[in-house]
PDB file of N, CA and C in Angstrom:
ATOM      1  N   MET A   1     -56.575-168.357 -23.212  1.00  0.00           N
ATOM      2  CA  MET A   1     -56.781-167.346 -22.196  1.00  0.00           C
ATOM      3  C   MET A   1     -57.234-168.033 -20.914  1.00  0.00           C
ATOM      4  N   ARG A   2     -56.798-167.503 -19.800  1.00  0.00           N
ATOM      5  CA  ARG A   2     -57.193-168.033 -18.501  1.00  0.00           C
ATOM      6  C   ARG A   2     -57.695-166.888 -17.642  1.00  0.00           C
ATOM      7  N   GLU A   3     -58.796-167.113 -16.959  1.00  0.00           N
ATOM      8  CA  GLU A   3     -59.331-166.108 -16.047  1.00  0.00           C
ATOM      9  C   GLU A   3     -58.976-166.492 -14.620  1.00  0.00           C
ATOM     10  N   VAL A   4     -58.548-165.509 -13.851  1.00  0.00           N
ATOM     11  CA  VAL A   4     -58.307-165.716 -12.425  1.00  0.00           C
ATOM     12  C   VAL A   4     -58.952-164.575 -11.672  1.00  0.00           C
ATOM     13  N   GLY A   5     -59.489-164.882 -10.539  1.00  0.00           N
ATOM     14  CA  GLY A   5     -60.099-163.852  -9.708  1.00  0.00           C
ATOM     15  C   GLY A   5     -60.585-164.462  -8.413  1.00  0.00           C
ATOM     16  N   ARG A   6     -60.648-163.624  -7.398  1.00  0.00           N
ATOM     17  CA  ARG A   6     -61.159-164.089  -6.114  1.00  0.00           C
ATOM     18  C   ARG A   6     -61.727-162.908  -5.352  1.00  0.00           C
ATOM     19  N   TYR A   7     -62.607-163.205  -4.453  1.00  0.00           N
ATOM     20  CA  TYR A   7     -63.230-162.190  -3.623  1.00  0.00           C
ATOM     21  C   TYR A   7     -62.229-161.733  -2.568  1.00  0.00           C
ATOM     22  N   LEU A   8     -62.042-160.427  -2.410  1.00  0.00           N
ATOM     23  CA  LEU A   8     -61.079-159.892  -1.453  1.00  0.00           C
ATOM     24  C   LEU A   8     -61.709-159.420  -0.153  1.00  0.00           C
ATOM     25  N   GLY A   9     -63.017-159.368  -0.110  1.00  0.00           N
ATOM     26  CA  GLY A   9     -63.657-158.766   1.055  1.00  0.00           C
ATOM     27  C   GLY A   9     -63.626-157.261   0.907  1.00  0.00           C
ATOM     28  N   VAL A  10     -63.552-156.567   2.019  1.00  0.00           N
ATOM     29  CA  VAL A  10     -63.499-155.108   1.980  1.00  0.00           C
ATOM     30  C   VAL A  10     -62.046-154.697   1.715  1.00  0.00           C
ATOM     31  N   ALA A  11     -61.845-154.006   0.600  1.00  0.00           N
ATOM     32  CA  ALA A  11     -60.504-153.557   0.219  1.00  0.00           C
ATOM     33  C   ALA A  11     -60.642-152.306  -0.639  1.00  0.00           C
ATOM     34  N   THR A  12     -59.592-151.521  -0.674  1.00  0.00           N
ATOM     35  CA  THR A  12     -59.609-150.335  -1.529  1.00  0.00           C
ATOM     36  C   THR A  12     -59.479-150.758  -2.991  1.00  0.00           C
ATOM     37  N   ASN A  13     -59.838-149.861  -3.882  1.00  0.00           N
ATOM     38  CA  ASN A  13     -59.680-150.168  -5.305  1.00  0.00           C
ATOM     39  C   ASN A  13     -58.203-150.362  -5.655  1.00  0.00           C
ATOM     40  N   ASN A  14     -57.299-149.651  -4.970  1.00  0.00           N
ATOM     41  CA  ASN A  14     -55.871-149.821  -5.251  1.00  0.00           C
ATOM     42  C   ASN A  14     -55.379-151.202  -4.830  1.00  0.00           C
ATOM     43  N   VAL A  15     -55.812-151.676  -3.685  1.00  0.00           N
ATOM     44  CA  VAL A  15     -55.455-153.032  -3.247  1.00  0.00           C
ATOM     45  C   VAL A  15     -56.007-154.040  -4.247  1.00  0.00           C
ATOM     46  N   ALA A  16     -57.227-153.824  -4.696  1.00  0.00           N
ATOM     47  CA  ALA A  16     -57.835-154.741  -5.671  1.00  0.00           C
ATOM     48  C   ALA A  16     -57.058-154.739  -6.992  1.00  0.00           C
ATOM     49  N   GLU A  17     -56.647-153.575  -7.462  1.00  0.00           N
ATOM     50  CA  GLU A  17     -55.891-153.487  -8.719  1.00  0.00           C
ATOM     51  C   GLU A  17     -54.550-154.205  -8.606  1.00  0.00           C
ATOM     52  N   TRP A  18     -53.831-153.952  -7.523  1.00  0.00           N
ATOM     53  CA  TRP A  18     -52.524-154.592  -7.340  1.00  0.00           C
ATOM     54  C   TRP A  18     -52.668-156.099  -7.172  1.00  0.00           C
ATOM     55  N   THR A  19     -53.680-156.526  -6.421  1.00  0.00           N
ATOM     56  CA  THR A  19     -53.903-157.956  -6.205  1.00  0.00           C
ATOM     57  C   THR A  19     -54.258-158.646  -7.515  1.00  0.00           C
ATOM     58  N   ALA A  20     -55.086-158.010  -8.317  1.00  0.00           N
ATOM     59  CA  ALA A  20     -55.454-158.582  -9.621  1.00  0.00           C
ATOM     60  C   ALA A  20     -54.227-158.724 -10.514  1.00  0.00           C
ATOM     61  N   LEU A  21     -53.381-157.716 -10.511  1.00  0.00           N
ATOM     62  CA  LEU A  21     -52.153-157.784 -11.305  1.00  0.00           C
ATOM     63  C   LEU A  21     -51.285-158.956 -10.845  1.00  0.00           C
ATOM     64  N   ILE A  22     -51.090-159.073  -9.551  1.00  0.00           N
ATOM     65  CA  ILE A  22     -50.263-160.142  -8.997  1.00  0.00           C
ATOM     66  C   ILE A  22     -50.830-161.513  -9.349  1.00  0.00           C
ATOM     67  N   GLU A  23     -52.121-161.673  -9.213  1.00  0.00           N
ATOM     68  CA  GLU A  23     -52.750-162.964  -9.522  1.00  0.00           C
ATOM     69  C   GLU A  23     -52.615-163.284 -11.012  1.00  0.00           C
ATOM     70  N   GLY A  24     -52.777-162.282 -11.854  1.00  0.00           N
ATOM     71  CA  GLY A  24     -52.611-162.494 -13.291  1.00  0.00           C
ATOM     72  C   GLY A  24     -51.180-162.858 -13.656  1.00  0.00           C
ATOM     73  N   LEU A  25     -50.223-162.177 -13.049  1.00  0.00           N
ATOM     74  CA  LEU A  25     -48.816-162.481 -13.315  1.00  0.00           C
ATOM     75  C   LEU A  25     -48.458-163.890 -12.844  1.00  0.00           C
ATOM     76  N   ALA A  26     -48.955-164.272 -11.675  1.00  0.00           N
ATOM     77  CA  ALA A  26     -48.683-165.613 -11.148  1.00  0.00           C
ATOM     78  C   ALA A  26     -49.286-166.675 -12.064  1.00  0.00           C
ATOM     79  N   ALA A  27     -50.488-166.428 -12.563  1.00  0.00           N
ATOM     80  CA  ALA A  27     -51.130-167.379 -13.477  1.00  0.00           C
ATOM     81  C   ALA A  27     -50.351-167.501 -14.777  1.00  0.00           C
ATOM     82  N   ALA A  28     -49.887-166.369 -15.307  1.00  0.00           N
ATOM     83  CA  ALA A  28     -49.094-166.394 -16.544  1.00  0.00           C
ATOM     84  C   ALA A  28     -47.802-167.176 -16.326  1.00  0.00           C
ATOM     85  N   LYS A  29     -47.191-166.993 -15.173  1.00  0.00           N
ATOM     86  CA  LYS A  29     -45.956-167.711 -14.854  1.00  0.00           C
ATOM     87  C   LYS A  29     -46.226-169.216 -14.788  1.00  0.00           C
ATOM     88  N   GLU A  30     -47.319-169.607 -14.145  1.00  0.00           N
ATOM     89  CA  GLU A  30     -47.691-171.024 -14.048  1.00  0.00           C
ATOM     90  C   GLU A  30     -47.899-171.648 -15.423  1.00  0.00           C
ATOM     91  N   LEU A  31     -48.389-170.846 -16.350  1.00  0.00           N
ATOM     92  CA  LEU A  31     -48.644-171.340 -17.708  1.00  0.00           C
ATOM     93  C   LEU A  31     -47.382-171.366 -18.561  1.00  0.00           C
ATOM     94  N   GLY A  32     -46.289-170.854 -18.022  1.00  0.00           N
ATOM     95  CA  GLY A  32     -45.033-170.855 -18.758  1.00  0.00           C
ATOM     96  C   GLY A  32     -44.889-169.737 -19.767  1.00  0.00           C
ATOM     97  N   VAL A  33     -45.650-168.681 -19.598  1.00  0.00           N
ATOM     98  CA  VAL A  33     -45.571-167.530 -20.495  1.00  0.00           C
ATOM     99  C   VAL A  33     -44.218-166.846 -20.326  1.00  0.00           C
ATOM    100  N   ALA A  34     -43.568-166.527 -21.429  1.00  0.00           N
ATOM    101  CA  ALA A  34     -42.278-165.829 -21.373  1.00  0.00           C
ATOM    102  C   ALA A  34     -42.421-164.360 -21.758  1.00  0.00           C
ATOM    103  N   ARG A  35     -43.297-164.084 -22.741  1.00  0.00           N
ATOM    104  CA  ARG A  35     -43.537-162.715 -23.201  1.00  0.00           C
ATOM    105  C   ARG A  35     -44.978-162.362 -22.877  1.00  0.00           C
ATOM    106  N   LEU A  36     -45.147-161.214 -22.249  1.00  0.00           N
ATOM    107  CA  LEU A  36     -46.448-160.883 -21.690  1.00  0.00           C
ATOM    108  C   LEU A  36     -46.846-159.449 -22.013  1.00  0.00           C
ATOM    109  N   ALA A  37     -48.102-159.273 -22.397  1.00  0.00           N
ATOM    110  CA  ALA A  37     -48.693-157.944 -22.573  1.00  0.00           C
ATOM    111  C   ALA A  37     -49.689-157.744 -21.434  1.00  0.00           C
ATOM    112  N   VAL A  38     -49.432-156.759 -20.599  1.00  0.00           N
ATOM    113  CA  VAL A  38     -50.294-156.458 -19.464  1.00  0.00           C
ATOM    114  C   VAL A  38     -51.055-155.184 -19.792  1.00  0.00           C
ATOM    115  N   ARG A  39     -52.374-155.259 -19.698  1.00  0.00           N
ATOM    116  CA  ARG A  39     -53.225-154.105 -19.952  1.00  0.00           C
ATOM    117  C   ARG A  39     -54.039-153.824 -18.709  1.00  0.00           C
ATOM    118  N   LEU A  40     -53.871-152.635 -18.157  1.00  0.00           N
ATOM    119  CA  LEU A  40     -54.524-152.246 -16.911  1.00  0.00           C
ATOM    120  C   LEU A  40     -55.349-150.989 -17.128  1.00  0.00           C
ATOM    121  N   ASP A  41     -56.531-150.956 -16.522  1.00  0.00           N
ATOM    122  CA  ASP A  41     -57.317-149.727 -16.618  1.00  0.00           C
ATOM    123  C   ASP A  41     -57.011-148.784 -15.452  1.00  0.00           C
ATOM    124  N   SER A  42     -56.054-149.160 -14.615  1.00  0.00           N
ATOM    125  CA  SER A  42     -55.604-148.284 -13.536  1.00  0.00           C
ATOM    126  C   SER A  42     -54.362-147.534 -13.996  1.00  0.00           C
ATOM    127  N   GLU A  43     -54.570-146.283 -14.356  1.00  0.00           N
ATOM    128  CA  GLU A  43     -53.437-145.457 -14.786  1.00  0.00           C
ATOM    129  C   GLU A  43     -52.440-145.278 -13.643  1.00  0.00           C
ATOM    130  N   LEU A  44     -52.953-145.221 -12.419  1.00  0.00           N
ATOM    131  CA  LEU A  44     -52.083-145.075 -11.254  1.00  0.00           C
ATOM    132  C   LEU A  44     -51.112-146.253 -11.144  1.00  0.00           C
ATOM    133  N   VAL A  45     -51.623-147.473 -11.247  1.00  0.00           N
ATOM    134  CA  VAL A  45     -50.760-148.653 -11.135  1.00  0.00           C
ATOM    135  C   VAL A  45     -49.736-148.681 -12.262  1.00  0.00           C
ATOM    136  N   VAL A  46     -50.155-148.355 -13.470  1.00  0.00           N
ATOM    137  CA  VAL A  46     -49.222-148.325 -14.600  1.00  0.00           C
ATOM    138  C   VAL A  46     -48.112-147.321 -14.335  1.00  0.00           C
ATOM    139  N   ARG A  47     -48.469-146.162 -13.848  1.00  0.00           N
ATOM    140  CA  ARG A  47     -47.449-145.134 -13.584  1.00  0.00           C
ATOM    141  C   ARG A  47     -46.562-145.490 -12.397  1.00  0.00           C
ATOM    142  N   GLN A  48     -47.128-146.177 -11.417  1.00  0.00           N
ATOM    143  CA  GLN A  48     -46.302-146.627 -10.301  1.00  0.00           C
ATOM    144  C   GLN A  48     -45.329-147.713 -10.765  1.00  0.00           C
ATOM    145  N   LEU A  49     -45.784-148.619 -11.602  1.00  0.00           N
ATOM    146  CA  LEU A  49     -44.900-149.667 -12.121  1.00  0.00           C
ATOM    147  C   LEU A  49     -43.755-149.093 -12.940  1.00  0.00           C
ATOM    148  N   SER A  50     -44.048-148.029 -13.696  1.00  0.00           N
ATOM    149  CA  SER A  50     -43.018-147.433 -14.550  1.00  0.00           C
ATOM    150  C   SER A  50     -42.061-146.530 -13.778  1.00  0.00           C
ATOM    151  N   GLY A  51     -42.396-146.224 -12.538  1.00  0.00           N
ATOM    152  CA  GLY A  51     -41.563-145.337 -11.739  1.00  0.00           C
ATOM    153  C   GLY A  51     -41.931-143.870 -11.855  1.00  0.00           C
ATOM    154  N   GLN A  52     -42.956-143.560 -12.652  1.00  0.00           N
ATOM    155  CA  GLN A  52     -43.399-142.163 -12.771  1.00  0.00           C
ATOM    156  C   GLN A  52     -43.970-141.658 -11.457  1.00  0.00           C
ATOM    157  N   TYR A  53     -44.679-142.543 -10.740  1.00  0.00           N
ATOM    158  CA  TYR A  53     -45.264-142.198  -9.443  1.00  0.00           C
ATOM    159  C   TYR A  53     -44.686-143.128  -8.389  1.00  0.00           C
ATOM    160  N   ARG A  54     -44.536-142.614  -7.187  1.00  0.00           N
ATOM    161  CA  ARG A  54     -44.110-143.442  -6.056  1.00  0.00           C
ATOM    162  C   ARG A  54     -45.313-144.159  -5.456  1.00  0.00           C
ATOM    163  N   VAL A  55     -45.060-145.296  -4.853  1.00  0.00           N
ATOM    164  CA  VAL A  55     -46.088-145.989  -4.076  1.00  0.00           C
ATOM    165  C   VAL A  55     -45.969-145.440  -2.659  1.00  0.00           C
ATOM    166  N   LYS A  56     -46.932-144.620  -2.278  1.00  0.00           N
ATOM    167  CA  LYS A  56     -46.822-143.885  -1.022  1.00  0.00           C
ATOM    168  C   LYS A  56     -47.401-144.635   0.175  1.00  0.00           C
ATOM    169  N   HIS A  57     -48.437-145.418  -0.054  1.00  0.00           N
ATOM    170  CA  HIS A  57     -49.135-146.057   1.067  1.00  0.00           C
ATOM    171  C   HIS A  57     -48.435-147.337   1.499  1.00  0.00           C
ATOM    172  N   ASP A  58     -48.205-147.436   2.794  1.00  0.00           N
ATOM    173  CA  ASP A  58     -47.480-148.583   3.350  1.00  0.00           C
ATOM    174  C   ASP A  58     -48.133-149.912   3.008  1.00  0.00           C
ATOM    175  N   ASN A  59     -49.460-149.954   2.977  1.00  0.00           N
ATOM    176  CA  ASN A  59     -50.135-151.231   2.709  1.00  0.00           C
ATOM    177  C   ASN A  59     -50.011-151.663   1.246  1.00  0.00           C
ATOM    178  N   LEU A  60     -49.621-150.750   0.359  1.00  0.00           N
ATOM    179  CA  LEU A  60     -49.464-151.102  -1.057  1.00  0.00           C
ATOM    180  C   LEU A  60     -48.027-151.492  -1.404  1.00  0.00           C
ATOM    181  N   ARG A  61     -47.085-151.108  -0.583  1.00  0.00           N
ATOM    182  CA  ARG A  61     -45.675-151.389  -0.898  1.00  0.00           C
ATOM    183  C   ARG A  61     -45.365-152.874  -1.046  1.00  0.00           C
ATOM    184  N   PRO A  62     -45.887-153.753  -0.165  1.00  0.00           N
ATOM    185  CA  PRO A  62     -45.619-155.182  -0.364  1.00  0.00           C
ATOM    186  C   PRO A  62     -46.233-155.716  -1.664  1.00  0.00           C
ATOM    187  N   LEU A  63     -47.381-155.193  -2.042  1.00  0.00           N
ATOM    188  CA  LEU A  63     -48.019-155.607  -3.296  1.00  0.00           C
ATOM    189  C   LEU A  63     -47.186-155.138  -4.486  1.00  0.00           C
ATOM    190  N   TYR A  64     -46.705-153.913  -4.417  1.00  0.00           N
ATOM    191  CA  TYR A  64     -45.832-153.382  -5.460  1.00  0.00           C
ATOM    192  C   TYR A  64     -44.569-154.231  -5.592  1.00  0.00           C
ATOM    193  N   ALA A  65     -43.947-154.539  -4.456  1.00  0.00           N
ATOM    194  CA  ALA A  65     -42.716-155.335  -4.474  1.00  0.00           C
ATOM    195  C   ALA A  65     -42.968-156.713  -5.065  1.00  0.00           C
ATOM    196  N   ARG A  66     -44.086-157.328  -4.721  1.00  0.00           N
ATOM    197  CA  ARG A  66     -44.415-158.652  -5.257  1.00  0.00           C
ATOM    198  C   ARG A  66     -44.650-158.573  -6.760  1.00  0.00           C
ATOM    199  N   ALA A  67     -45.369-157.558  -7.209  1.00  0.00           N
ATOM    200  CA  ALA A  67     -45.627-157.405  -8.646  1.00  0.00           C
ATOM    201  C   ALA A  67     -44.325-157.181  -9.406  1.00  0.00           C
ATOM    202  N   LYS A  68     -43.456-156.330  -8.896  1.00  0.00           N
ATOM    203  CA  LYS A  68     -42.178-156.074  -9.568  1.00  0.00           C
ATOM    204  C   LYS A  68     -41.332-157.345  -9.624  1.00  0.00           C
ATOM    205  N   ALA A  69     -41.337-158.120  -8.549  1.00  0.00           N
ATOM    206  CA  ALA A  69     -40.583-159.372  -8.531  1.00  0.00           C
ATOM    207  C   ALA A  69     -41.123-160.339  -9.582  1.00  0.00           C
ATOM    208  N   LEU A  70     -42.430-160.455  -9.667  1.00  0.00           N
ATOM    209  CA  LEU A  70     -43.029-161.337 -10.674  1.00  0.00           C
ATOM    210  C   LEU A  70     -42.732-160.845 -12.084  1.00  0.00           C
ATOM    211  N   LEU A  71     -42.839-159.548 -12.307  1.00  0.00           N
ATOM    212  CA  LEU A  71     -42.565-158.994 -13.631  1.00  0.00           C
ATOM    213  C   LEU A  71     -41.139-159.292 -14.075  1.00  0.00           C
ATOM    214  N   SER A  72     -40.223-159.297 -13.135  1.00  0.00           N
ATOM    215  CA  SER A  72     -38.817-159.542 -13.484  1.00  0.00           C
ATOM    216  C   SER A  72     -38.561-160.981 -13.928  1.00  0.00           C
ATOM    217  N   GLU A  73     -39.507-161.868 -13.683  1.00  0.00           N
ATOM    218  CA  GLU A  73     -39.343-163.270 -14.044  1.00  0.00           C
ATOM    219  C   GLU A  73     -39.711-163.566 -15.501  1.00  0.00           C
ATOM    220  N   PHE A  74     -40.254-162.589 -16.194  1.00  0.00           N
ATOM    221  CA  PHE A  74     -40.627-162.775 -17.598  1.00  0.00           C
ATOM    222  C   PHE A  74     -39.510-162.255 -18.500  1.00  0.00           C
ATOM    223  N   ASP A  75     -39.388-162.853 -19.676  1.00  0.00           N
ATOM    224  CA  ASP A  75     -38.377-162.409 -20.632  1.00  0.00           C
ATOM    225  C   ASP A  75     -38.694-161.020 -21.179  1.00  0.00           C
ATOM    226  N   ASP A  76     -39.968-160.764 -21.412  1.00  0.00           N
ATOM    227  CA  ASP A  76     -40.384-159.485 -21.988  1.00  0.00           C
ATOM    228  C   ASP A  76     -41.787-159.166 -21.497  1.00  0.00           C
ATOM    229  N   VAL A  77     -41.979-157.957 -21.006  1.00  0.00           N
ATOM    230  CA  VAL A  77     -43.298-157.532 -20.518  1.00  0.00           C
ATOM    231  C   VAL A  77     -43.588-156.136 -21.052  1.00  0.00           C
ATOM    232  N   ASP A  78     -44.772-155.969 -21.585  1.00  0.00           N
ATOM    233  CA  ASP A  78     -45.236-154.670 -22.056  1.00  0.00           C
ATOM    234  C   ASP A  78     -46.448-154.294 -21.213  1.00  0.00           C
ATOM    235  N   VAL A  79     -46.299-153.286 -20.364  1.00  0.00           N
ATOM    236  CA  VAL A  79     -47.384-152.845 -19.481  1.00  0.00           C
ATOM    237  C   VAL A  79     -47.923-151.530 -20.022  1.00  0.00           C
ATOM    238  N   ARG A  80     -49.224-151.502 -20.245  1.00  0.00           N
ATOM    239  CA  ARG A  80     -49.863-150.279 -20.771  1.00  0.00           C
ATOM    240  C   ARG A  80     -51.205-150.038 -20.111  1.00  0.00           C
ATOM    241  N   HIS A  81     -51.550-148.765 -20.065  1.00  0.00           N
ATOM    242  CA  HIS A  81     -52.875-148.365 -19.596  1.00  0.00           C
ATOM    243  C   HIS A  81     -53.867-148.464 -20.752  1.00  0.00           C
ATOM    244  N   VAL A  82     -55.059-148.943 -20.441  1.00  0.00           N
ATOM    245  CA  VAL A  82     -56.158-148.923 -21.405  1.00  0.00           C
ATOM    246  C   VAL A  82     -57.365-148.303 -20.709  1.00  0.00           C
ATOM    247  N   PRO A  83     -58.179-147.597 -21.453  1.00  0.00           N
ATOM    248  CA  PRO A  83     -59.389-147.045 -20.838  1.00  0.00           C
ATOM    249  C   PRO A  83     -60.294-148.173 -20.336  1.00  0.00           C
ATOM    250  N   ARG A  84     -61.016-147.881 -19.301  1.00  0.00           N
ATOM    251  CA  ARG A  84     -61.926-148.880 -18.721  1.00  0.00           C
ATOM    252  C   ARG A  84     -62.869-149.444 -19.778  1.00  0.00           C
ATOM    253  N   SER A  85     -63.274-148.622 -20.735  1.00  0.00           N
ATOM    254  CA  SER A  85     -64.188-149.082 -21.791  1.00  0.00           C
ATOM    255  C   SER A  85     -63.565-150.172 -22.657  1.00  0.00           C
ATOM    256  N   GLU A  86     -62.237-150.258 -22.656  1.00  0.00           N
ATOM    257  CA  GLU A  86     -61.553-151.291 -23.429  1.00  0.00           C
ATOM    258  C   GLU A  86     -61.151-152.488 -22.569  1.00  0.00           C
ATOM    259  N   ASN A  87     -61.621-152.509 -21.345  1.00  0.00           N
ATOM    260  CA  ASN A  87     -61.260-153.573 -20.416  1.00  0.00           C
ATOM    261  C   ASN A  87     -62.514-154.281 -19.897  1.00  0.00           C
ATOM    262  N   LYS A  88     -63.443-154.519 -20.792  1.00  0.00           N
ATOM    263  CA  LYS A  88     -64.742-155.076 -20.407  1.00  0.00           C
ATOM    264  C   LYS A  88     -64.642-156.495 -19.855  1.00  0.00           C
ATOM    265  N   LEU A  89     -63.697-157.291 -20.332  1.00  0.00           N
ATOM    266  CA  LEU A  89     -63.557-158.657 -19.813  1.00  0.00           C
ATOM    267  C   LEU A  89     -63.198-158.645 -18.335  1.00  0.00           C
ATOM    268  N   ALA A  90     -62.299-157.763 -17.944  1.00  0.00           N
ATOM    269  CA  ALA A  90     -61.910-157.670 -16.531  1.00  0.00           C
ATOM    270  C   ALA A  90     -63.088-157.213 -15.689  1.00  0.00           C
ATOM    271  N   ASP A  91     -63.836-156.224 -16.156  1.00  0.00           N
ATOM    272  CA  ASP A  91     -64.996-155.757 -15.420  1.00  0.00           C
ATOM    273  C   ASP A  91     -66.047-156.858 -15.283  1.00  0.00           C
ATOM    274  N   ALA A  92     -66.246-157.625 -16.337  1.00  0.00           N
ATOM    275  CA  ALA A  92     -67.216-158.719 -16.291  1.00  0.00           C
ATOM    276  C   ALA A  92     -66.805-159.770 -15.264  1.00  0.00           C
ATOM    277  N   LEU A  93     -65.513-160.086 -15.205  1.00  0.00           N
ATOM    278  CA  LEU A  93     -65.022-161.061 -14.233  1.00  0.00           C
ATOM    279  C   LEU A  93     -65.243-160.555 -12.811  1.00  0.00           C
ATOM    280  N   VAL A  94     -64.919-159.309 -12.548  1.00  0.00           N
ATOM    281  CA  VAL A  94     -65.122-158.734 -11.215  1.00  0.00           C
ATOM    282  C   VAL A  94     -66.596-158.780 -10.841  1.00  0.00           C
ATOM    283  N   ASN A  95     -67.448-158.365 -11.754  1.00  0.00           N
ATOM    284  CA  ASN A  95     -68.884-158.367 -11.463  1.00  0.00           C
ATOM    285  C   ASN A  95     -69.396-159.775 -11.202  1.00  0.00           C
ATOM    286  N   ARG A  96     -68.909-160.754 -11.935  1.00  0.00           N
ATOM    287  CA  ARG A  96     -69.333-162.138 -11.720  1.00  0.00           C
ATOM    288  C   ARG A  96     -68.903-162.626 -10.333  1.00  0.00           C
ATOM    289  N   ILE A  97     -67.682-162.300  -9.935  1.00  0.00           N
ATOM    290  CA  ILE A  97     -67.202-162.692  -8.601  1.00  0.00           C
ATOM    291  C   ILE A  97     -68.010-162.019  -7.508  1.00  0.00           C
ATOM    292  N   LEU A  98     -68.300-160.732  -7.673  1.00  0.00           N
ATOM    293  CA  LEU A  98     -69.089-160.024  -6.677  1.00  0.00           C
ATOM    294  C   LEU A  98     -70.517-160.557  -6.616  1.00  0.00           C
ATOM    295  N   ASP A  99     -71.090-160.911  -7.753  1.00  0.00           N
ATOM    296  CA  ASP A  99     -72.450-161.468  -7.781  1.00  0.00           C
ATOM    297  C   ASP A  99     -72.540-162.817  -7.081  1.00  0.00           C
ATOM    298  N   GLU A 100     -71.441-163.569  -7.092  1.00  0.00           N
ATOM    299  CA  GLU A 100     -71.419-164.877  -6.449  1.00  0.00           C
ATOM    300  C   GLU A 100     -71.389-164.760  -4.932  1.00  0.00           C
ATOM    301  N   ARG A 101     -71.057-163.600  -4.411  1.00  0.00           N
ATOM    302  CA  ARG A 101     -70.979-163.405  -2.962  1.00  0.00           C
ATOM    303  C   ARG A 101     -72.328-163.282  -2.402  1.00  0.00           C
TER     304      ARG A 101
END
């Protein structure tokens, strides 16, 4: 397992979710991962990725496009929503990064 994260400054939670996804996908690609299970506690991002919801905000469209491009580079990807209570590692990483600021 590899952890990636960085401080974004002032950003919306949606920008943070999309950026985290992109950074995770890029890290998986660097590691040579071909089959990937993505678990997100953002139901909105999961639904936007699946096409159930549109990405309406202009500032999120480039992030969406980058994530979709990265996802297409994997042989197999399973993207699912998980409740925040089941995503404690991600929350711990975010809190550690914020505490370092």
